[in-house]
């Protein structure tokens, strides 16, 4: 545990989508025959990055969506399913603006850890190709994307990260004291979650897409449309649940619109 550590949650773009992508849940998304003409559930899908001010350096977790999402995503077809909301007043809402609000640039980040390499988490990774920032993701994710041929495969777009010098993490590992990654595959080959052990507010787990929403977490855990391996995903959810039960960690889910309303976003607040 690092006594001087602070955690800042950064806005990094908000998508919209049919919530069937995120939650296959009766009563929330899936409709019975008698409701077949009812409007589908369409809502906001916020993303966030996590900036950790640590005595050993600045660590960034994830990079959110790109400003040029429409042209970058058009070849995949996902631009029609996950449109990104216009940036809010003052050019905020994207990662570069959130860093500027903290009076930081990508060159100020010592370590970038990518939970996985989907286009809403790794899209801005090349901003940190500066010869200074160490970039890391799971080795399983690196092995998985190496097999992609063509412009994209699902929500992976290799151009987002191709050519970057990325270190592979092979297991649950402590990046610096009080900051650990947890291997939680299932959503993708190598999705990871982040655990920070804060001196005042206790442990927090940022699940990334290992758990999209509080409703996904359950129990029972409820799956989603975008899952590479459902059984691995379920094992990962239960792994996180065990860690939470053992540590009392607060869970911060990857894309939960309602939970996002309660978080302390930078620059107005932080966790310590």
C-alpha atoms as a PDB file:
ATOM      1  CA  UNK A   1       0.000   0.000   0.000  1.00  0.00           C
ATOM      2  CA  UNK A   2       1.387   3.402  -0.974  1.00  0.00           C
ATOM      3  CA  UNK A   3       0.491   6.074   1.612  1.00  0.00           C
ATOM      4  CA  UNK A   4       0.721   8.919  -0.914  1.00  0.00           C
ATOM      5  CA  UNK A   5      -1.271   7.266  -3.699  1.00  0.00           C
ATOM      6  CA  UNK A   6      -4.210   9.077  -5.299  1.00  0.00           C
ATOM      7  CA  UNK A   7      -6.584   7.687  -7.912  1.00  0.00           C
ATOM      8  CA  UNK A   8      -8.268   9.957 -10.465  1.00  0.00           C
ATOM      9  CA  UNK A   9     -11.082   8.665 -12.679  1.00  0.00           C
ATOM     10  CA  UNK A  10     -10.923  10.322 -16.100  1.00  0.00           C
ATOM     11  CA  UNK A  11     -13.662  10.724 -18.683  1.00  0.00           C
ATOM     12  CA  UNK A  12     -12.606   9.025 -21.907  1.00  0.00           C
ATOM     13  CA  UNK A  13     -15.704   9.141 -24.102  1.00  0.00           C
ATOM     14  CA  UNK A  14     -19.320   7.977 -23.884  1.00  0.00           C
ATOM     15  CA  UNK A  15     -20.927   5.707 -26.438  1.00  0.00           C
ATOM     16  CA  UNK A  16     -24.583   4.846 -26.935  1.00  0.00           C
ATOM     17  CA  UNK A  17     -25.876   1.381 -27.752  1.00  0.00           C
ATOM     18  CA  UNK A  18     -28.671  -1.128 -27.636  1.00  0.00           C
ATOM     19  CA  UNK A  19     -28.099  -2.530 -24.152  1.00  0.00           C
ATOM     20  CA  UNK A  20     -28.562  -6.075 -25.439  1.00  0.00           C
ATOM     21  CA  UNK A  21     -24.857  -5.861 -26.251  1.00  0.00           C
ATOM     22  CA  UNK A  22     -24.102  -5.493 -22.545  1.00  0.00           C
ATOM     23  CA  UNK A  23     -26.724  -7.475 -20.687  1.00  0.00           C
ATOM     24  CA  UNK A  24     -28.766 -10.513 -21.657  1.00  0.00           C
ATOM     25  CA  UNK A  25     -31.218 -10.055 -18.799  1.00  0.00           C
ATOM     26  CA  UNK A  26     -34.954 -10.793 -18.688  1.00  0.00           C
ATOM     27  CA  UNK A  27     -36.871  -7.704 -17.667  1.00  0.00           C
ATOM     28  CA  UNK A  28     -34.000  -5.394 -18.630  1.00  0.00           C
ATOM     29  CA  UNK A  29     -33.343  -6.129 -22.283  1.00  0.00           C
ATOM     30  CA  UNK A  30     -34.820  -9.404 -23.524  1.00  0.00           C
ATOM     31  CA  UNK A  31     -38.539  -9.115 -24.271  1.00  0.00           C
ATOM     32  CA  UNK A  32     -41.208 -11.842 -24.334  1.00  0.00           C
ATOM     33  CA  UNK A  33     -43.408 -12.326 -27.400  1.00  0.00           C
ATOM     34  CA  UNK A  34     -46.187 -10.119 -26.059  1.00  0.00           C
ATOM     35  CA  UNK A  35     -43.707  -7.216 -25.902  1.00  0.00           C
ATOM     36  CA  UNK A  36     -42.102  -7.779 -29.287  1.00  0.00           C
ATOM     37  CA  UNK A  37     -43.144  -4.336 -30.540  1.00  0.00           C
ATOM     38  CA  UNK A  38     -41.926  -2.487 -27.452  1.00  0.00           C
ATOM     39  CA  UNK A  39     -38.975  -0.099 -27.908  1.00  0.00           C
ATOM     40  CA  UNK A  40     -35.602  -1.711 -27.387  1.00  0.00           C
ATOM     41  CA  UNK A  41     -33.445  -0.637 -24.456  1.00  0.00           C
ATOM     42  CA  UNK A  42     -31.019   2.016 -25.733  1.00  0.00           C
ATOM     43  CA  UNK A  43     -28.713   3.815 -23.356  1.00  0.00           C
ATOM     44  CA  UNK A  44     -25.365   5.425 -22.640  1.00  0.00           C
ATOM     45  CA  UNK A  45     -22.231   3.326 -22.420  1.00  0.00           C
ATOM     46  CA  UNK A  46     -19.618   5.482 -20.651  1.00  0.00           C
ATOM     47  CA  UNK A  47     -15.921   4.686 -20.692  1.00  0.00           C
ATOM     48  CA  UNK A  48     -13.299   5.788 -18.215  1.00  0.00           C
ATOM     49  CA  UNK A  49      -9.571   5.764 -17.697  1.00  0.00           C
ATOM     50  CA  UNK A  50      -7.856   5.618 -14.320  1.00  0.00           C
ATOM     51  CA  UNK A  51      -4.893   7.842 -13.469  1.00  0.00           C
ATOM     52  CA  UNK A  52      -2.876   6.735 -10.456  1.00  0.00           C
ATOM     53  CA  UNK A  53      -0.525   9.241  -8.860  1.00  0.00           C
ATOM     54  CA  UNK A  54       1.971   6.999  -7.108  1.00  0.00           C
ATOM     55  CA  UNK A  55       5.326   7.675  -5.403  1.00  0.00           C
ATOM     56  CA  UNK A  56       6.931   5.500  -8.101  1.00  0.00           C
ATOM     57  CA  UNK A  57       5.328   7.336 -11.020  1.00  0.00           C
ATOM     58  CA  UNK A  58       2.088   8.056 -12.862  1.00  0.00           C
ATOM     59  CA  UNK A  59       0.153   5.031 -14.059  1.00  0.00           C
ATOM     60  CA  UNK A  60      -2.734   5.189 -16.543  1.00  0.00           C
ATOM     61  CA  UNK A  61      -5.275   2.402 -16.952  1.00  0.00           C
ATOM     62  CA  UNK A  62      -6.965   2.330 -20.381  1.00  0.00           C
ATOM     63  CA  UNK A  63      -7.410   5.088 -22.954  1.00  0.00           C
ATOM     64  CA  UNK A  64     -11.091   5.173 -23.965  1.00  0.00           C
ATOM     65  CA  UNK A  65     -12.534   5.972 -27.391  1.00  0.00           C
ATOM     66  CA  UNK A  66     -10.881   7.995 -30.187  1.00  0.00           C
ATOM     67  CA  UNK A  67     -11.990  11.374 -31.450  1.00  0.00           C
ATOM     68  CA  UNK A  68     -12.074   9.999 -34.998  1.00  0.00           C
ATOM     69  CA  UNK A  69     -14.256   7.046 -33.957  1.00  0.00           C
ATOM     70  CA  UNK A  70     -16.638   7.374 -36.890  1.00  0.00           C
ATOM     71  CA  UNK A  71     -14.062   6.948 -39.647  1.00  0.00           C
ATOM     72  CA  UNK A  72     -11.938   4.504 -37.662  1.00  0.00           C
ATOM     73  CA  UNK A  73     -14.874   2.271 -36.780  1.00  0.00           C
ATOM     74  CA  UNK A  74     -16.772   2.535 -40.086  1.00  0.00           C
ATOM     75  CA  UNK A  75     -14.958  -0.436 -41.710  1.00  0.00           C
ATOM     76  CA  UNK A  76     -16.041  -2.629 -38.780  1.00  0.00           C
ATOM     77  CA  UNK A  77     -19.714  -1.607 -38.896  1.00  0.00           C
ATOM     78  CA  UNK A  78     -19.620  -0.823 -35.183  1.00  0.00           C
ATOM     79  CA  UNK A  79     -19.993   2.891 -35.880  1.00  0.00           C
ATOM     80  CA  UNK A  80     -23.685   2.102 -36.440  1.00  0.00           C
ATOM     81  CA  UNK A  81     -24.044   0.250 -33.128  1.00  0.00           C
ATOM     82  CA  UNK A  82     -21.823   2.262 -30.749  1.00  0.00           C
ATOM     83  CA  UNK A  83     -21.996   5.931 -31.773  1.00  0.00           C
ATOM     84  CA  UNK A  84     -20.007   8.221 -29.507  1.00  0.00           C
ATOM     85  CA  UNK A  85     -21.757  11.228 -28.018  1.00  0.00           C
ATOM     86  CA  UNK A  86     -20.452  14.652 -28.979  1.00  0.00           C
ATOM     87  CA  UNK A  87     -17.890  16.048 -26.562  1.00  0.00           C
ATOM     88  CA  UNK A  88     -19.400  18.187 -23.857  1.00  0.00           C
ATOM     89  CA  UNK A  89     -18.845  21.913 -23.420  1.00  0.00           C
ATOM     90  CA  UNK A  90     -15.223  22.910 -23.073  1.00  0.00           C
ATOM     91  CA  UNK A  91     -13.912  20.089 -25.307  1.00  0.00           C
ATOM     92  CA  UNK A  92     -14.079  17.596 -22.452  1.00  0.00           C
ATOM     93  CA  UNK A  93     -15.173  13.998 -22.603  1.00  0.00           C
ATOM     94  CA  UNK A  94     -12.164  12.507 -24.375  1.00  0.00           C
ATOM     95  CA  UNK A  95      -8.932  11.311 -22.776  1.00  0.00           C
ATOM     96  CA  UNK A  96      -6.664  14.030 -24.162  1.00  0.00           C
ATOM     97  CA  UNK A  97      -8.961  16.720 -22.742  1.00  0.00           C
ATOM     98  CA  UNK A  98      -9.178  14.939 -19.397  1.00  0.00           C
ATOM     99  CA  UNK A  99      -5.380  14.837 -19.190  1.00  0.00           C
ATOM    100  CA  UNK A 100      -5.180  18.540 -20.026  1.00  0.00           C
ATOM    101  CA  UNK A 101      -7.611  19.263 -17.202  1.00  0.00           C
ATOM    102  CA  UNK A 102      -5.064  17.594 -14.918  1.00  0.00           C
ATOM    103  CA  UNK A 103      -2.327  19.729 -16.529  1.00  0.00           C
ATOM    104  CA  UNK A 104      -0.777  16.592 -17.997  1.00  0.00           C
ATOM    105  CA  UNK A 105       0.245  15.317 -21.417  1.00  0.00           C
ATOM    106  CA  UNK A 106       0.869  11.715 -22.531  1.00  0.00           C
ATOM    107  CA  UNK A 107       4.589  12.320 -21.920  1.00  0.00           C
ATOM    108  CA  UNK A 108       3.817  12.677 -18.196  1.00  0.00           C
ATOM    109  CA  UNK A 109       2.583   9.071 -17.947  1.00  0.00           C
ATOM    110  CA  UNK A 110       5.232   6.582 -16.820  1.00  0.00           C
ATOM    111  CA  UNK A 111       3.229   3.370 -17.282  1.00  0.00           C
ATOM    112  CA  UNK A 112       0.165   2.708 -19.434  1.00  0.00           C
ATOM    113  CA  UNK A 113      -1.685  -0.519 -18.650  1.00  0.00           C
ATOM    114  CA  UNK A 114      -4.345  -1.621 -21.130  1.00  0.00           C
ATOM    115  CA  UNK A 115      -7.050  -3.868 -19.721  1.00  0.00           C
ATOM    116  CA  UNK A 116      -7.470  -5.351 -23.213  1.00  0.00           C
ATOM    117  CA  UNK A 117      -7.126  -4.153 -26.786  1.00  0.00           C
ATOM    118  CA  UNK A 118     -10.704  -3.422 -27.888  1.00  0.00           C
ATOM    119  CA  UNK A 119     -11.383  -0.176 -29.736  1.00  0.00           C
ATOM    120  CA  UNK A 120     -12.979   1.532 -26.721  1.00  0.00           C
ATOM    121  CA  UNK A 121     -10.074   0.786 -24.369  1.00  0.00           C
ATOM    122  CA  UNK A 122      -6.897   0.853 -26.463  1.00  0.00           C
ATOM    123  CA  UNK A 123      -7.894   3.300 -29.210  1.00  0.00           C
ATOM    124  CA  UNK A 124      -5.641   6.089 -27.946  1.00  0.00           C
ATOM    125  CA  UNK A 125      -2.670   3.906 -27.056  1.00  0.00           C
ATOM    126  CA  UNK A 126      -0.471   5.434 -29.756  1.00  0.00           C
ATOM    127  CA  UNK A 127      -0.704   8.798 -27.989  1.00  0.00           C
ATOM    128  CA  UNK A 128       1.788   7.256 -25.561  1.00  0.00           C
ATOM    129  CA  UNK A 129       4.314   6.072 -28.153  1.00  0.00           C
ATOM    130  CA  UNK A 130       6.815   8.626 -26.906  1.00  0.00           C
ATOM    131  CA  UNK A 131       9.885   6.624 -25.946  1.00  0.00           C
ATOM    132  CA  UNK A 132       9.162   7.246 -22.251  1.00  0.00           C
ATOM    133  CA  UNK A 133       5.867   5.603 -21.332  1.00  0.00           C
ATOM    134  CA  UNK A 134       6.055   1.857 -20.690  1.00  0.00           C
ATOM    135  CA  UNK A 135       3.003   0.187 -22.247  1.00  0.00           C
ATOM    136  CA  UNK A 136       1.682  -3.095 -20.869  1.00  0.00           C
ATOM    137  CA  UNK A 137      -1.203  -5.495 -21.444  1.00  0.00           C
ATOM    138  CA  UNK A 138      -1.714  -9.196 -20.834  1.00  0.00           C
ATOM    139  CA  UNK A 139       0.414 -11.661 -22.746  1.00  0.00           C
ATOM    140  CA  UNK A 140      -2.721 -13.642 -23.606  1.00  0.00           C
ATOM    141  CA  UNK A 141      -4.167 -10.556 -25.302  1.00  0.00           C
ATOM    142  CA  UNK A 142      -0.974 -10.004 -27.276  1.00  0.00           C
ATOM    143  CA  UNK A 143      -0.972 -13.638 -28.349  1.00  0.00           C
ATOM    144  CA  UNK A 144      -4.626 -13.389 -29.391  1.00  0.00           C
ATOM    145  CA  UNK A 145      -4.360 -10.260 -31.513  1.00  0.00           C
ATOM    146  CA  UNK A 146      -1.312 -11.675 -33.290  1.00  0.00           C
ATOM    147  CA  UNK A 147      -3.684 -13.976 -35.168  1.00  0.00           C
ATOM    148  CA  UNK A 148      -5.884 -11.190 -36.570  1.00  0.00           C
ATOM    149  CA  UNK A 149      -5.794 -10.815 -40.335  1.00  0.00           C
ATOM    150  CA  UNK A 150      -7.356  -7.820 -42.051  1.00  0.00           C
ATOM    151  CA  UNK A 151      -8.555  -4.501 -40.710  1.00  0.00           C
ATOM    152  CA  UNK A 152     -10.386  -5.854 -37.665  1.00  0.00           C
ATOM    153  CA  UNK A 153     -11.723  -8.857 -35.837  1.00  0.00           C
ATOM    154  CA  UNK A 154     -14.757  -8.113 -33.725  1.00  0.00           C
ATOM    155  CA  UNK A 155     -13.925  -5.043 -31.643  1.00  0.00           C
ATOM    156  CA  UNK A 156     -10.162  -5.406 -32.123  1.00  0.00           C
ATOM    157  CA  UNK A 157      -8.633  -2.976 -34.618  1.00  0.00           C
ATOM    158  CA  UNK A 158      -4.894  -3.746 -34.885  1.00  0.00           C
ATOM    159  CA  UNK A 159      -4.109  -0.279 -36.257  1.00  0.00           C
ATOM    160  CA  UNK A 160      -4.965   1.048 -32.773  1.00  0.00           C
ATOM    161  CA  UNK A 161      -1.862  -0.591 -31.307  1.00  0.00           C
ATOM    162  CA  UNK A 162       0.184  -2.079 -34.159  1.00  0.00           C
ATOM    163  CA  UNK A 163       3.872  -1.233 -33.863  1.00  0.00           C
ATOM    164  CA  UNK A 164       3.779  -0.340 -30.173  1.00  0.00           C
ATOM    165  CA  UNK A 165       6.369  -1.890 -27.900  1.00  0.00           C
ATOM    166  CA  UNK A 166       4.051  -3.560 -25.386  1.00  0.00           C
ATOM    167  CA  UNK A 167       5.172  -5.715 -22.487  1.00  0.00           C
ATOM    168  CA  UNK A 168       3.079  -8.811 -21.771  1.00  0.00           C
ATOM    169  CA  UNK A 169       1.804  -9.622 -18.271  1.00  0.00           C
ATOM    170  CA  UNK A 170       1.399 -13.361 -17.728  1.00  0.00           C
ATOM    171  CA  UNK A 171      -0.423 -13.622 -14.403  1.00  0.00           C
ATOM    172  CA  UNK A 172      -1.888 -11.654 -11.540  1.00  0.00           C
ATOM    173  CA  UNK A 173       0.852  -9.160 -10.818  1.00  0.00           C
ATOM    174  CA  UNK A 174       1.694  -6.112  -8.745  1.00  0.00           C
ATOM    175  CA  UNK A 175       2.732  -3.248 -11.028  1.00  0.00           C
ATOM    176  CA  UNK A 176       3.905  -1.043  -8.148  1.00  0.00           C
ATOM    177  CA  UNK A 177       3.121  -1.371  -4.430  1.00  0.00           C
ATOM    178  CA  UNK A 178      -0.642  -1.159  -3.952  1.00  0.00           C
ATOM    179  CA  UNK A 179      -1.467  -1.400  -7.682  1.00  0.00           C
ATOM    180  CA  UNK A 180      -2.155  -4.862  -9.112  1.00  0.00           C
ATOM    181  CA  UNK A 181      -3.651  -6.421 -12.210  1.00  0.00           C
ATOM    182  CA  UNK A 182      -5.941  -9.440 -12.062  1.00  0.00           C
ATOM    183  CA  UNK A 183      -6.206 -11.785 -15.028  1.00  0.00           C
ATOM    184  CA  UNK A 184      -9.927 -11.960 -15.881  1.00  0.00           C
ATOM    185  CA  UNK A 185     -10.209 -13.486 -19.385  1.00  0.00           C
ATOM    186  CA  UNK A 186     -13.472 -14.327 -21.086  1.00  0.00           C
ATOM    187  CA  UNK A 187     -14.547 -11.034 -22.594  1.00  0.00           C
ATOM    188  CA  UNK A 188     -11.373 -11.336 -24.682  1.00  0.00           C
ATOM    189  CA  UNK A 189      -8.378 -13.663 -24.610  1.00  0.00           C
ATOM    190  CA  UNK A 190      -6.595 -11.589 -22.002  1.00  0.00           C
ATOM    191  CA  UNK A 191      -8.918  -9.066 -20.350  1.00  0.00           C
ATOM    192  CA  UNK A 192      -7.539  -7.825 -17.034  1.00  0.00           C
ATOM    193  CA  UNK A 193      -9.009  -5.968 -14.062  1.00  0.00           C
ATOM    194  CA  UNK A 194      -7.227  -3.423 -11.861  1.00  0.00           C
ATOM    195  CA  UNK A 195      -6.983  -3.455  -8.056  1.00  0.00           C
ATOM    196  CA  UNK A 196      -5.768  -0.458  -6.098  1.00  0.00           C
ATOM    197  CA  UNK A 197      -5.235  -0.606  -2.338  1.00  0.00           C
ATOM    198  CA  UNK A 198      -5.866   2.911  -1.121  1.00  0.00           C
ATOM    199  CA  UNK A 199      -4.583   3.936   2.325  1.00  0.00           C
ATOM    200  CA  UNK A 200      -7.720   5.853   3.355  1.00  0.00           C
ATOM    201  CA  UNK A 201     -10.612   4.490   1.279  1.00  0.00           C
ATOM    202  CA  UNK A 202      -9.542   0.859   1.050  1.00  0.00           C
ATOM    203  CA  UNK A 203      -9.309  -1.406  -1.990  1.00  0.00           C
ATOM    204  CA  UNK A 204     -11.099  -0.691  -5.256  1.00  0.00           C
ATOM    205  CA  UNK A 205     -11.392  -3.014  -8.235  1.00  0.00           C
ATOM    206  CA  UNK A 206     -11.860  -1.527 -11.696  1.00  0.00           C
ATOM    207  CA  UNK A 207     -13.307  -4.441 -13.640  1.00  0.00           C
ATOM    208  CA  UNK A 208     -12.991  -3.085 -17.180  1.00  0.00           C
ATOM    209  CA  UNK A 209     -15.051  -5.373 -19.428  1.00  0.00           C
ATOM    210  CA  UNK A 210     -14.662  -8.392 -17.166  1.00  0.00           C
ATOM    211  CA  UNK A 211     -17.927  -7.018 -15.745  1.00  0.00           C
ATOM    212  CA  UNK A 212     -19.786  -4.411 -17.790  1.00  0.00           C
ATOM    213  CA  UNK A 213     -22.470  -3.390 -15.315  1.00  0.00           C
ATOM    214  CA  UNK A 214     -23.564  -3.888 -11.726  1.00  0.00           C
ATOM    215  CA  UNK A 215     -26.512  -5.839 -13.170  1.00  0.00           C
ATOM    216  CA  UNK A 216     -24.004  -8.142 -14.893  1.00  0.00           C
ATOM    217  CA  UNK A 217     -22.273  -8.908 -11.602  1.00  0.00           C
ATOM    218  CA  UNK A 218     -25.308 -10.382  -9.845  1.00  0.00           C
ATOM    219  CA  UNK A 219     -25.302 -12.851  -8.290  1.00  0.00           C
ATOM    220  CA  UNK A 220     -26.124 -14.624 -10.435  1.00  0.00           C
ATOM    221  CA  UNK A 221     -23.756 -13.249 -13.031  1.00  0.00           C
ATOM    222  CA  UNK A 222     -25.475 -12.380 -16.315  1.00  0.00           C
ATOM    223  CA  UNK A 223     -23.653 -12.615 -19.619  1.00  0.00           C
ATOM    224  CA  UNK A 224     -23.518 -10.317 -22.613  1.00  0.00           C
ATOM    225  CA  UNK A 225     -23.360 -10.478 -26.391  1.00  0.00           C
ATOM    226  CA  UNK A 226     -19.692  -9.517 -26.689  1.00  0.00           C
ATOM    227  CA  UNK A 227     -17.926 -12.377 -24.912  1.00  0.00           C
ATOM    228  CA  UNK A 228     -15.127 -14.463 -26.422  1.00  0.00           C
ATOM    229  CA  UNK A 229     -15.525 -17.409 -24.019  1.00  0.00           C
ATOM    230  CA  UNK A 230     -18.603 -17.548 -21.779  1.00  0.00           C
ATOM    231  CA  UNK A 231     -17.235 -20.157 -19.375  1.00  0.00           C
ATOM    232  CA  UNK A 232     -13.959 -18.276 -18.909  1.00  0.00           C
ATOM    233  CA  UNK A 233     -15.958 -15.073 -18.410  1.00  0.00           C
ATOM    234  CA  UNK A 234     -18.057 -16.662 -15.675  1.00  0.00           C
ATOM    235  CA  UNK A 235     -14.940 -18.025 -13.948  1.00  0.00           C
ATOM    236  CA  UNK A 236     -13.440 -14.531 -14.011  1.00  0.00           C
ATOM    237  CA  UNK A 237     -16.550 -12.952 -12.498  1.00  0.00           C
ATOM    238  CA  UNK A 238     -16.472 -15.471  -9.679  1.00  0.00           C
ATOM    239  CA  UNK A 239     -12.745 -14.870  -9.204  1.00  0.00           C
ATOM    240  CA  UNK A 240     -13.452 -11.164  -8.757  1.00  0.00           C
ATOM    241  CA  UNK A 241     -16.339 -11.925  -6.411  1.00  0.00           C
ATOM    242  CA  UNK A 242     -14.042 -14.017  -4.206  1.00  0.00           C
ATOM    243  CA  UNK A 243     -11.446 -11.231  -4.066  1.00  0.00           C
ATOM    244  CA  UNK A 244     -14.157  -8.708  -3.213  1.00  0.00           C
ATOM    245  CA  UNK A 245     -15.490 -10.918  -0.420  1.00  0.00           C
ATOM    246  CA  UNK A 246     -12.003 -11.421   1.001  1.00  0.00           C
ATOM    247  CA  UNK A 247     -10.936  -7.769   0.824  1.00  0.00           C
ATOM    248  CA  UNK A 248     -14.157  -5.743   0.963  1.00  0.00           C
ATOM    249  CA  UNK A 249     -13.137  -3.995  -2.252  1.00  0.00           C
ATOM    250  CA  UNK A 250     -15.503  -1.555  -3.926  1.00  0.00           C
ATOM    251  CA  UNK A 251     -16.319  -2.711  -7.463  1.00  0.00           C
ATOM    252  CA  UNK A 252     -16.211  -0.132 -10.249  1.00  0.00           C
ATOM    253  CA  UNK A 253     -17.681  -1.607 -13.410  1.00  0.00           C
ATOM    254  CA  UNK A 254     -16.535  -0.996 -16.958  1.00  0.00           C
ATOM    255  CA  UNK A 255     -19.531   0.699 -18.584  1.00  0.00           C
ATOM    256  CA  UNK A 256     -22.208   1.315 -15.960  1.00  0.00           C
ATOM    257  CA  UNK A 257     -24.133   4.520 -16.696  1.00  0.00           C
ATOM    258  CA  UNK A 258     -25.836   4.671 -13.297  1.00  0.00           C
ATOM    259  CA  UNK A 259     -22.674   3.972 -11.326  1.00  0.00           C
ATOM    260  CA  UNK A 260     -20.766   6.557 -13.363  1.00  0.00           C
ATOM    261  CA  UNK A 261     -23.115   9.211 -11.995  1.00  0.00           C
ATOM    262  CA  UNK A 262     -21.797   8.463  -8.491  1.00  0.00           C
ATOM    263  CA  UNK A 263     -18.056   8.397  -9.228  1.00  0.00           C
ATOM    264  CA  UNK A 264     -15.628  11.191  -8.395  1.00  0.00           C
ATOM    265  CA  UNK A 265     -14.377  12.267 -11.800  1.00  0.00           C
ATOM    266  CA  UNK A 266     -11.262  14.372 -12.275  1.00  0.00           C
ATOM    267  CA  UNK A 267     -10.472  17.158 -11.978  1.00  0.00           C
ATOM    268  CA  UNK A 268     -13.154  17.736  -9.342  1.00  0.00           C
ATOM    269  CA  UNK A 269     -12.424  14.757  -7.119  1.00  0.00           C
ATOM    270  CA  UNK A 270     -10.134  11.818  -6.454  1.00  0.00           C
ATOM    271  CA  UNK A 271      -9.765   8.729  -4.251  1.00  0.00           C
ATOM    272  CA  UNK A 272      -6.991   8.315  -1.695  1.00  0.00           C
END
